[in-house]
Amino acid sequence: MYRYSLFLLMIFILAVGCNEQVLPKPKAQLRLEYGAPKQGELETDYFSFKYNTQANIKSKTKTSLVLGYPEMKGEIYINYKKVENNVQKLLSDAQRLSYEHAAKADGIAEQPFVNEENGVYGMFFEVSGNAASQAQFYVTDSTNNFVTGSLYFYTRPNYDSIYPAAAYLQNDIRGVMESLRWKK
């Protein structure tokens, strides 16, 4: 009798406890939002440009600087070189460095940049995929000045995860290129 009532109690608990339907959770995506950029001006010995003041100037020498974005765990490295009858070598090196990421990248889109009014000419390389760098660029006046730059994240490259930050910082790089002015 005891076993029979225990059995009925278990059936009753299972019947009452399993009435709720289990529904799958809806798919969700991570939503990362970054503030609107606030422009500041940065001057070096050779050129000046506008940059997003949300970036920290981590290190600055006469020929190089690093714009750090700790919230995004990313950095934009900018280097200056004097053109001394070696513009072809500098262009070749900049393009080679950009395409070294092709092994891990899904694609590299080249976007030419021309600002005839200020004598700034260059190329922006947008790298997609799990490459070490998500963007590379160079600008030059072809006679005296040459600037290269690259975007790196100090985390393992996972394109899906870093895409929002990469897109935001690529826009910052475009802003640097568009506002760059050579010193006379």
N, C-alpha and C. Protein backbone atom coordinates (compact mmCIF):
# COMPACT_ATOMS: atom_id res chain seq x y z
N MET A 1 0.82 -1.18 0.00
CA MET A 1 0.00 0.00 0.00
C MET A 1 0.89 1.26 0.00
N TYR A 2 1.92 1.21 0.82
CA TYR A 2 2.83 2.36 0.90
C TYR A 2 3.50 2.60 -0.45
N ARG A 3 3.93 1.53 -1.12
CA ARG A 3 4.56 1.68 -2.42
C ARG A 3 3.57 2.20 -3.45
N TYR A 4 2.36 1.75 -3.40
CA TYR A 4 1.35 2.17 -4.34
C TYR A 4 1.07 3.67 -4.19
N SER A 5 0.96 4.18 -2.97
CA SER A 5 0.71 5.61 -2.76
C SER A 5 1.93 6.45 -3.14
N LEU A 6 3.12 5.92 -2.91
CA LEU A 6 4.34 6.62 -3.32
C LEU A 6 4.41 6.71 -4.85
N PHE A 7 4.01 5.62 -5.52
CA PHE A 7 3.99 5.60 -6.97
C PHE A 7 2.98 6.61 -7.51
N LEU A 8 1.80 6.70 -6.94
CA LEU A 8 0.78 7.66 -7.36
C LEU A 8 1.24 9.10 -7.10
N LEU A 9 1.92 9.31 -5.98
CA LEU A 9 2.43 10.63 -5.67
C LEU A 9 3.48 11.07 -6.71
N MET A 10 4.34 10.17 -7.12
CA MET A 10 5.36 10.48 -8.13
C MET A 10 4.70 10.78 -9.47
N ILE A 11 3.71 10.03 -9.87
CA ILE A 11 3.00 10.27 -11.13
C ILE A 11 2.32 11.63 -11.07
N PHE A 12 1.71 11.96 -9.94
CA PHE A 12 1.03 13.25 -9.78
C PHE A 12 2.04 14.41 -9.89
N ILE A 13 3.19 14.29 -9.25
CA ILE A 13 4.22 15.35 -9.30
C ILE A 13 4.74 15.52 -10.72
N LEU A 14 5.00 14.42 -11.41
CA LEU A 14 5.48 14.51 -12.79
C LEU A 14 4.43 15.12 -13.70
N ALA A 15 3.17 14.76 -13.52
CA ALA A 15 2.11 15.29 -14.38
C ALA A 15 1.90 16.78 -14.14
N VAL A 16 1.92 17.20 -12.89
CA VAL A 16 1.68 18.61 -12.57
C VAL A 16 2.92 19.45 -12.90
N GLY A 17 4.10 18.93 -12.64
CA GLY A 17 5.34 19.69 -12.82
C GLY A 17 5.77 19.85 -14.26
N CYS A 18 5.24 19.10 -15.19
CA CYS A 18 5.70 19.14 -16.58
C CYS A 18 4.70 19.80 -17.52
N ASN A 19 3.80 20.58 -17.02
CA ASN A 19 2.81 21.23 -17.88
C ASN A 19 3.36 22.42 -18.64
N GLU A 20 4.41 23.04 -18.15
CA GLU A 20 4.95 24.24 -18.77
C GLU A 20 5.75 23.88 -20.02
N GLN A 21 5.45 24.55 -21.14
CA GLN A 21 6.17 24.30 -22.37
C GLN A 21 7.54 24.99 -22.33
N VAL A 22 8.53 24.32 -22.85
CA VAL A 22 9.86 24.89 -22.94
C VAL A 22 10.00 25.53 -24.31
N LEU A 23 10.31 26.82 -24.32
CA LEU A 23 10.46 27.55 -25.57
C LEU A 23 11.94 27.90 -25.78
N PRO A 24 12.40 27.83 -27.02
CA PRO A 24 13.80 28.22 -27.25
C PRO A 24 13.97 29.72 -27.07
N LYS A 25 15.16 30.10 -26.63
CA LYS A 25 15.45 31.52 -26.46
C LYS A 25 15.68 32.16 -27.82
N PRO A 26 15.23 33.41 -28.00
CA PRO A 26 15.47 34.07 -29.29
C PRO A 26 16.95 34.36 -29.48
N LYS A 27 17.37 34.39 -30.74
CA LYS A 27 18.76 34.70 -31.03
C LYS A 27 19.02 36.16 -30.68
N ALA A 28 20.17 36.41 -30.12
CA ALA A 28 20.53 37.77 -29.74
C ALA A 28 21.94 38.04 -30.21
N GLN A 29 22.23 39.30 -30.42
CA GLN A 29 23.57 39.71 -30.81
C GLN A 29 24.07 40.76 -29.82
N LEU A 30 25.35 40.72 -29.60
CA LEU A 30 25.98 41.69 -28.72
C LEU A 30 25.86 43.08 -29.33
N ARG A 31 25.42 44.03 -28.54
CA ARG A 31 25.27 45.40 -29.05
C ARG A 31 26.30 46.28 -28.35
N LEU A 32 27.29 46.70 -29.10
CA LEU A 32 28.31 47.58 -28.58
C LEU A 32 28.11 48.95 -29.20
N GLU A 33 28.05 49.95 -28.36
CA GLU A 33 27.91 51.31 -28.85
C GLU A 33 29.05 52.15 -28.28
N TYR A 34 29.63 52.94 -29.15
CA TYR A 34 30.71 53.83 -28.75
C TYR A 34 30.24 55.26 -28.97
N GLY A 35 30.69 56.15 -28.13
CA GLY A 35 30.27 57.54 -28.20
C GLY A 35 30.69 58.22 -29.50
N ALA A 36 29.99 59.29 -29.81
CA ALA A 36 30.35 60.07 -31.00
C ALA A 36 31.74 60.66 -30.80
N PRO A 37 32.58 60.62 -31.84
CA PRO A 37 33.93 61.15 -31.68
C PRO A 37 33.94 62.66 -31.44
N LYS A 38 34.82 63.08 -30.56
CA LYS A 38 35.06 64.51 -30.32
C LYS A 38 36.43 64.81 -30.90
N GLN A 39 36.50 65.84 -31.73
CA GLN A 39 37.73 66.12 -32.46
C GLN A 39 38.70 66.99 -31.68
N GLY A 40 39.94 66.60 -31.72
CA GLY A 40 41.04 67.39 -31.19
C GLY A 40 42.10 67.49 -32.27
N GLU A 41 43.06 68.36 -32.09
CA GLU A 41 44.13 68.53 -33.09
C GLU A 41 45.44 68.07 -32.47
N LEU A 42 46.20 67.33 -33.24
CA LEU A 42 47.49 66.84 -32.79
C LEU A 42 48.55 67.31 -33.77
N GLU A 43 49.61 67.90 -33.25
CA GLU A 43 50.69 68.39 -34.11
C GLU A 43 51.97 67.64 -33.81
N THR A 44 52.67 67.29 -34.86
CA THR A 44 54.01 66.72 -34.74
C THR A 44 54.96 67.69 -35.43
N ASP A 45 56.21 67.33 -35.50
CA ASP A 45 57.18 68.19 -36.16
C ASP A 45 56.97 68.25 -37.67
N TYR A 46 56.29 67.25 -38.25
CA TYR A 46 56.18 67.15 -39.70
C TYR A 46 54.77 67.29 -40.25
N PHE A 47 53.77 67.03 -39.43
CA PHE A 47 52.39 67.08 -39.91
C PHE A 47 51.46 67.29 -38.72
N SER A 48 50.22 67.62 -39.04
CA SER A 48 49.18 67.74 -38.02
C SER A 48 47.93 67.04 -38.54
N PHE A 49 47.05 66.67 -37.63
CA PHE A 49 45.80 66.03 -38.02
C PHE A 49 44.80 66.12 -36.88
N LYS A 50 43.55 65.92 -37.22
CA LYS A 50 42.50 65.86 -36.21
C LYS A 50 42.32 64.41 -35.82
N TYR A 51 42.04 64.21 -34.53
CA TYR A 51 41.87 62.85 -34.03
C TYR A 51 40.74 62.83 -33.01
N ASN A 52 40.27 61.65 -32.72
CA ASN A 52 39.22 61.43 -31.75
C ASN A 52 39.83 61.55 -30.35
N THR A 53 39.35 62.52 -29.56
CA THR A 53 39.93 62.74 -28.24
C THR A 53 39.60 61.63 -27.24
N GLN A 54 38.78 60.67 -27.63
CA GLN A 54 38.56 59.50 -26.77
C GLN A 54 39.81 58.62 -26.75
N ALA A 55 40.71 58.86 -27.69
CA ALA A 55 41.97 58.12 -27.74
C ALA A 55 42.97 58.76 -26.79
N ASN A 56 43.78 57.92 -26.18
CA ASN A 56 44.89 58.39 -25.36
C ASN A 56 46.15 58.39 -26.22
N ILE A 57 46.92 59.46 -26.15
CA ILE A 57 48.20 59.47 -26.85
C ILE A 57 49.17 58.73 -25.94
N LYS A 58 49.44 57.47 -26.30
CA LYS A 58 50.22 56.60 -25.42
C LYS A 58 51.71 56.87 -25.49
N SER A 59 52.20 57.09 -26.67
CA SER A 59 53.63 57.42 -26.79
C SER A 59 53.79 58.30 -28.01
N LYS A 60 54.70 59.21 -27.90
CA LYS A 60 54.92 60.15 -28.99
C LYS A 60 56.39 60.50 -29.05
N THR A 61 56.98 60.29 -30.22
CA THR A 61 58.34 60.71 -30.49
C THR A 61 58.29 61.64 -31.70
N LYS A 62 59.44 62.04 -32.19
CA LYS A 62 59.46 62.91 -33.38
C LYS A 62 58.87 62.22 -34.60
N THR A 63 59.03 60.90 -34.69
CA THR A 63 58.61 60.20 -35.91
C THR A 63 57.52 59.16 -35.70
N SER A 64 57.02 58.97 -34.49
CA SER A 64 55.96 57.98 -34.30
C SER A 64 55.07 58.35 -33.12
N LEU A 65 53.87 57.82 -33.16
CA LEU A 65 52.95 57.99 -32.04
C LEU A 65 51.95 56.85 -32.05
N VAL A 66 51.33 56.65 -30.88
CA VAL A 66 50.33 55.60 -30.72
C VAL A 66 49.09 56.22 -30.12
N LEU A 67 47.96 56.01 -30.79
CA LEU A 67 46.67 56.42 -30.25
C LEU A 67 46.03 55.19 -29.65
N GLY A 68 45.85 55.20 -28.33
CA GLY A 68 45.31 54.04 -27.63
C GLY A 68 43.84 54.21 -27.30
N TYR A 69 43.09 53.16 -27.49
CA TYR A 69 41.66 53.12 -27.18
C TYR A 69 41.44 52.00 -26.17
N PRO A 70 41.64 52.27 -24.87
CA PRO A 70 41.57 51.19 -23.88
C PRO A 70 40.20 50.53 -23.79
N GLU A 71 39.14 51.28 -24.02
CA GLU A 71 37.79 50.72 -23.95
C GLU A 71 37.59 49.63 -25.00
N MET A 72 38.27 49.79 -26.13
CA MET A 72 38.14 48.84 -27.23
C MET A 72 39.32 47.89 -27.33
N LYS A 73 40.30 48.08 -26.47
CA LYS A 73 41.53 47.28 -26.48
C LYS A 73 42.21 47.35 -27.84
N GLY A 74 42.28 48.56 -28.38
CA GLY A 74 42.89 48.74 -29.69
C GLY A 74 43.84 49.92 -29.70
N GLU A 75 44.74 49.92 -30.69
CA GLU A 75 45.72 50.99 -30.84
C GLU A 75 45.95 51.26 -32.32
N ILE A 76 46.13 52.54 -32.63
CA ILE A 76 46.50 52.95 -33.97
C ILE A 76 47.94 53.45 -33.90
N TYR A 77 48.82 52.79 -34.63
CA TYR A 77 50.23 53.15 -34.68
C TYR A 77 50.46 54.02 -35.91
N ILE A 78 51.10 55.17 -35.72
CA ILE A 78 51.37 56.09 -36.82
C ILE A 78 52.87 56.38 -36.84
N ASN A 79 53.48 56.22 -38.02
CA ASN A 79 54.92 56.42 -38.18
C ASN A 79 55.21 57.36 -39.35
N TYR A 80 56.19 58.23 -39.16
CA TYR A 80 56.60 59.18 -40.18
C TYR A 80 57.98 58.81 -40.71
N LYS A 81 58.14 58.98 -42.02
CA LYS A 81 59.46 58.81 -42.64
C LYS A 81 59.67 59.95 -43.64
N LYS A 82 60.88 60.42 -43.69
CA LYS A 82 61.26 61.46 -44.65
C LYS A 82 61.50 60.79 -46.00
N VAL A 83 60.97 61.39 -47.05
CA VAL A 83 61.21 60.89 -48.41
C VAL A 83 62.53 61.45 -48.89
N GLU A 84 63.45 60.56 -49.24
CA GLU A 84 64.77 60.96 -49.72
C GLU A 84 65.08 60.17 -50.99
N ASN A 85 64.39 60.53 -52.07
CA ASN A 85 64.50 59.81 -53.34
C ASN A 85 64.20 58.32 -53.19
N ASN A 86 63.34 57.96 -52.23
CA ASN A 86 63.02 56.57 -52.00
C ASN A 86 61.50 56.33 -51.90
N VAL A 87 60.73 57.18 -52.55
CA VAL A 87 59.28 57.06 -52.43
C VAL A 87 58.77 55.71 -52.96
N GLN A 88 59.37 55.19 -54.01
CA GLN A 88 58.94 53.89 -54.54
C GLN A 88 59.18 52.77 -53.53
N LYS A 89 60.31 52.80 -52.85
CA LYS A 89 60.59 51.79 -51.82
C LYS A 89 59.62 51.92 -50.65
N LEU A 90 59.34 53.16 -50.22
CA LEU A 90 58.39 53.37 -49.12
C LEU A 90 57.00 52.88 -49.50
N LEU A 91 56.56 53.17 -50.73
CA LEU A 91 55.26 52.69 -51.20
C LEU A 91 55.23 51.17 -51.25
N SER A 92 56.27 50.59 -51.77
CA SER A 92 56.37 49.13 -51.87
C SER A 92 56.33 48.48 -50.49
N ASP A 93 57.09 49.04 -49.54
CA ASP A 93 57.11 48.50 -48.18
C ASP A 93 55.73 48.61 -47.51
N ALA A 94 55.06 49.75 -47.69
CA ALA A 94 53.75 49.95 -47.07
C ALA A 94 52.74 48.96 -47.64
N GLN A 95 52.77 48.75 -48.94
CA GLN A 95 51.84 47.80 -49.55
C GLN A 95 52.17 46.37 -49.15
N ARG A 96 53.45 46.04 -49.08
CA ARG A 96 53.85 44.70 -48.68
C ARG A 96 53.40 44.41 -47.24
N LEU A 97 53.59 45.39 -46.34
CA LEU A 97 53.16 45.20 -44.95
C LEU A 97 51.66 44.98 -44.86
N SER A 98 50.91 45.68 -45.69
CA SER A 98 49.46 45.51 -45.68
C SER A 98 49.07 44.11 -46.16
N TYR A 99 49.74 43.62 -47.17
CA TYR A 99 49.37 42.31 -47.72
C TYR A 99 49.99 41.14 -46.98
N GLU A 100 50.83 41.39 -46.00
CA GLU A 100 51.33 40.30 -45.15
C GLU A 100 50.19 39.69 -44.34
N HIS A 101 49.10 40.42 -44.19
CA HIS A 101 47.95 39.92 -43.43
C HIS A 101 47.01 39.09 -44.29
N ALA A 102 47.32 38.95 -45.58
CA ALA A 102 46.44 38.25 -46.50
C ALA A 102 46.29 36.77 -46.16
N ALA A 103 47.29 36.17 -45.53
CA ALA A 103 47.21 34.74 -45.19
C ALA A 103 46.06 34.45 -44.24
N LYS A 104 45.82 35.32 -43.28
CA LYS A 104 44.74 35.12 -42.30
C LYS A 104 43.47 35.88 -42.66
N ALA A 105 43.59 36.86 -43.55
CA ALA A 105 42.44 37.72 -43.87
C ALA A 105 41.50 37.03 -44.84
N ASP A 106 40.22 37.38 -44.74
CA ASP A 106 39.23 36.92 -45.72
C ASP A 106 39.29 37.80 -46.96
N GLY A 107 39.73 39.03 -46.77
CA GLY A 107 39.83 39.95 -47.89
C GLY A 107 40.49 41.26 -47.47
N ILE A 108 41.07 41.93 -48.44
CA ILE A 108 41.68 43.24 -48.20
C ILE A 108 41.14 44.18 -49.27
N ALA A 109 40.41 45.20 -48.83
CA ALA A 109 39.85 46.18 -49.77
C ALA A 109 40.74 47.41 -49.79
N GLU A 110 41.19 47.80 -50.98
CA GLU A 110 42.01 49.00 -51.16
C GLU A 110 41.10 50.17 -51.47
N GLN A 111 41.33 51.27 -50.77
CA GLN A 111 40.56 52.48 -51.01
C GLN A 111 41.53 53.64 -51.19
N PRO A 112 41.72 54.11 -52.45
CA PRO A 112 42.65 55.22 -52.69
C PRO A 112 42.15 56.49 -52.02
N PHE A 113 43.10 57.34 -51.64
CA PHE A 113 42.77 58.62 -51.01
C PHE A 113 43.54 59.73 -51.73
N VAL A 114 42.82 60.77 -52.13
CA VAL A 114 43.45 61.89 -52.82
C VAL A 114 42.88 63.19 -52.25
N ASN A 115 43.79 64.06 -51.77
CA ASN A 115 43.43 65.41 -51.34
C ASN A 115 44.42 66.35 -52.03
N GLU A 116 44.09 66.71 -53.27
CA GLU A 116 45.00 67.53 -54.08
C GLU A 116 45.25 68.90 -53.46
N GLU A 117 44.22 69.46 -52.85
CA GLU A 117 44.33 70.80 -52.27
C GLU A 117 45.44 70.88 -51.23
N ASN A 118 45.60 69.83 -50.42
CA ASN A 118 46.61 69.82 -49.37
C ASN A 118 47.80 68.92 -49.69
N GLY A 119 47.83 68.35 -50.90
CA GLY A 119 48.96 67.52 -51.30
C GLY A 119 49.09 66.25 -50.50
N VAL A 120 47.97 65.60 -50.20
CA VAL A 120 47.97 64.36 -49.43
C VAL A 120 47.38 63.26 -50.31
N TYR A 121 48.19 62.23 -50.57
CA TYR A 121 47.77 61.12 -51.42
C TYR A 121 48.08 59.82 -50.68
N GLY A 122 47.21 58.85 -50.80
CA GLY A 122 47.49 57.61 -50.10
C GLY A 122 46.54 56.49 -50.41
N MET A 123 46.57 55.50 -49.53
CA MET A 123 45.75 54.31 -49.69
C MET A 123 45.33 53.82 -48.31
N PHE A 124 44.07 53.41 -48.22
CA PHE A 124 43.54 52.81 -47.00
C PHE A 124 43.24 51.36 -47.31
N PHE A 125 43.74 50.43 -46.47
CA PHE A 125 43.52 49.01 -46.65
C PHE A 125 42.61 48.52 -45.52
N GLU A 126 41.41 48.10 -45.89
CA GLU A 126 40.47 47.55 -44.90
C GLU A 126 40.60 46.04 -44.93
N VAL A 127 41.00 45.46 -43.81
CA VAL A 127 41.26 44.03 -43.73
C VAL A 127 40.08 43.36 -43.03
N SER A 128 39.50 42.36 -43.68
CA SER A 128 38.41 41.61 -43.05
C SER A 128 38.89 40.20 -42.75
N GLY A 129 38.38 39.64 -41.68
CA GLY A 129 38.79 38.30 -41.27
C GLY A 129 39.62 38.34 -40.00
N ASN A 130 40.16 37.20 -39.63
CA ASN A 130 40.88 37.06 -38.37
C ASN A 130 42.36 37.42 -38.50
N ALA A 131 42.65 38.52 -39.15
CA ALA A 131 44.03 38.98 -39.32
C ALA A 131 44.48 39.76 -38.08
N ALA A 132 45.78 39.91 -37.94
CA ALA A 132 46.33 40.63 -36.78
C ALA A 132 45.96 42.10 -36.82
N SER A 133 45.91 42.70 -38.00
CA SER A 133 45.57 44.11 -38.15
C SER A 133 44.30 44.23 -38.97
N GLN A 134 43.39 45.09 -38.53
CA GLN A 134 42.12 45.26 -39.25
C GLN A 134 42.15 46.43 -40.23
N ALA A 135 43.21 47.22 -40.20
CA ALA A 135 43.33 48.34 -41.15
C ALA A 135 44.78 48.79 -41.22
N GLN A 136 45.18 49.22 -42.41
CA GLN A 136 46.50 49.77 -42.66
C GLN A 136 46.30 50.97 -43.57
N PHE A 137 47.20 51.94 -43.50
CA PHE A 137 47.12 53.06 -44.43
C PHE A 137 48.48 53.69 -44.61
N TYR A 138 48.59 54.45 -45.69
CA TYR A 138 49.74 55.32 -45.87
C TYR A 138 49.28 56.57 -46.59
N VAL A 139 49.96 57.67 -46.32
CA VAL A 139 49.74 58.93 -47.02
C VAL A 139 51.11 59.56 -47.28
N THR A 140 51.18 60.31 -48.38
CA THR A 140 52.44 60.94 -48.76
C THR A 140 52.16 62.19 -49.59
N ASP A 141 53.15 63.03 -49.69
CA ASP A 141 53.08 64.14 -50.65
C ASP A 141 53.97 63.83 -51.85
N SER A 142 54.58 62.65 -51.85
CA SER A 142 55.42 62.11 -52.93
C SER A 142 56.80 62.74 -53.04
N THR A 143 57.05 63.81 -52.31
CA THR A 143 58.36 64.46 -52.45
C THR A 143 59.13 64.57 -51.14
N ASN A 144 58.45 64.80 -50.03
CA ASN A 144 59.14 65.03 -48.77
C ASN A 144 58.69 64.14 -47.61
N ASN A 145 57.42 63.80 -47.55
CA ASN A 145 56.84 63.18 -46.36
C ASN A 145 56.12 61.88 -46.67
N PHE A 146 56.20 60.97 -45.72
CA PHE A 146 55.52 59.67 -45.86
C PHE A 146 55.07 59.21 -44.48
N VAL A 147 53.78 58.91 -44.33
CA VAL A 147 53.21 58.46 -43.05
C VAL A 147 52.52 57.12 -43.27
N THR A 148 52.81 56.17 -42.40
CA THR A 148 52.11 54.89 -42.42
C THR A 148 51.37 54.72 -41.09
N GLY A 149 50.36 53.89 -41.12
CA GLY A 149 49.61 53.63 -39.91
C GLY A 149 48.96 52.27 -39.95
N SER A 150 48.70 51.72 -38.78
CA SER A 150 48.05 50.42 -38.70
C SER A 150 47.24 50.32 -37.41
N LEU A 151 46.20 49.54 -37.49
CA LEU A 151 45.29 49.31 -36.37
C LEU A 151 45.51 47.90 -35.84
N TYR A 152 45.76 47.79 -34.55
CA TYR A 152 45.91 46.49 -33.90
C TYR A 152 45.06 46.45 -32.64
N PHE A 153 44.55 45.28 -32.34
CA PHE A 153 43.85 45.04 -31.08
C PHE A 153 44.72 44.15 -30.23
N TYR A 154 44.79 44.44 -28.93
CA TYR A 154 45.59 43.57 -28.08
C TYR A 154 44.68 42.52 -27.47
N THR A 155 44.17 41.72 -28.37
CA THR A 155 43.38 40.54 -28.06
C THR A 155 43.50 39.60 -29.25
N ARG A 156 43.18 38.36 -29.05
CA ARG A 156 43.25 37.39 -30.15
C ARG A 156 42.26 37.81 -31.23
N PRO A 157 42.69 37.85 -32.50
CA PRO A 157 41.78 38.34 -33.54
C PRO A 157 40.62 37.38 -33.78
N ASN A 158 39.44 37.84 -33.50
CA ASN A 158 38.20 37.13 -33.81
C ASN A 158 37.30 38.17 -34.46
N TYR A 159 37.24 38.14 -35.78
CA TYR A 159 36.62 39.22 -36.55
C TYR A 159 35.19 39.51 -36.11
N ASP A 160 34.41 38.48 -35.83
CA ASP A 160 33.02 38.70 -35.41
C ASP A 160 32.94 39.50 -34.12
N SER A 161 33.85 39.24 -33.21
CA SER A 161 33.81 39.91 -31.91
C SER A 161 34.35 41.34 -31.97
N ILE A 162 35.38 41.56 -32.76
CA ILE A 162 36.00 42.89 -32.77
C ILE A 162 35.45 43.79 -33.88
N TYR A 163 34.55 43.27 -34.70
CA TYR A 163 34.05 44.07 -35.83
C TYR A 163 33.50 45.44 -35.44
N PRO A 164 32.64 45.56 -34.40
CA PRO A 164 32.14 46.91 -34.08
C PRO A 164 33.25 47.90 -33.74
N ALA A 165 34.23 47.45 -32.96
CA ALA A 165 35.35 48.33 -32.60
C ALA A 165 36.21 48.60 -33.82
N ALA A 166 36.43 47.60 -34.67
CA ALA A 166 37.25 47.79 -35.87
C ALA A 166 36.60 48.81 -36.80
N ALA A 167 35.29 48.72 -36.99
CA ALA A 167 34.60 49.67 -37.86
C ALA A 167 34.70 51.09 -37.31
N TYR A 168 34.55 51.23 -36.00
CA TYR A 168 34.64 52.54 -35.36
C TYR A 168 36.04 53.13 -35.54
N LEU A 169 37.07 52.33 -35.30
CA LEU A 169 38.44 52.83 -35.42
C LEU A 169 38.87 53.04 -36.87
N GLN A 170 38.31 52.28 -37.79
CA GLN A 170 38.58 52.53 -39.20
C GLN A 170 38.06 53.91 -39.61
N ASN A 171 36.92 54.30 -39.06
CA ASN A 171 36.41 55.65 -39.32
C ASN A 171 37.34 56.71 -38.74
N ASP A 172 37.90 56.43 -37.56
CA ASP A 172 38.87 57.36 -36.97
C ASP A 172 40.11 57.49 -37.87
N ILE A 173 40.56 56.38 -38.43
CA ILE A 173 41.72 56.42 -39.33
C ILE A 173 41.40 57.25 -40.56
N ARG A 174 40.22 57.06 -41.12
CA ARG A 174 39.82 57.87 -42.28
C ARG A 174 39.82 59.36 -41.91
N GLY A 175 39.37 59.67 -40.70
CA GLY A 175 39.39 61.05 -40.23
C GLY A 175 40.80 61.61 -40.14
N VAL A 176 41.75 60.79 -39.67
CA VAL A 176 43.15 61.20 -39.62
C VAL A 176 43.65 61.49 -41.03
N MET A 177 43.37 60.60 -41.98
CA MET A 177 43.82 60.78 -43.36
C MET A 177 43.22 62.05 -43.97
N GLU A 178 41.93 62.26 -43.76
CA GLU A 178 41.26 63.41 -44.37
C GLU A 178 41.72 64.75 -43.80
N SER A 179 42.13 64.76 -42.54
CA SER A 179 42.51 66.02 -41.90
C SER A 179 44.01 66.26 -41.86
N LEU A 180 44.80 65.32 -42.35
CA LEU A 180 46.26 65.44 -42.27
C LEU A 180 46.76 66.60 -43.14
N ARG A 181 47.64 67.42 -42.55
CA ARG A 181 48.25 68.55 -43.24
C ARG A 181 49.75 68.51 -42.98
N TRP A 182 50.53 68.71 -44.04
CA TRP A 182 51.98 68.72 -43.91
C TRP A 182 52.44 70.06 -43.36
N LYS A 183 53.50 70.02 -42.57
CA LYS A 183 54.13 71.27 -42.12
C LYS A 183 55.06 71.74 -43.22
N LYS A 184 55.15 73.02 -43.41
CA LYS A 184 56.02 73.58 -44.47
C LYS A 184 57.45 73.65 -44.02
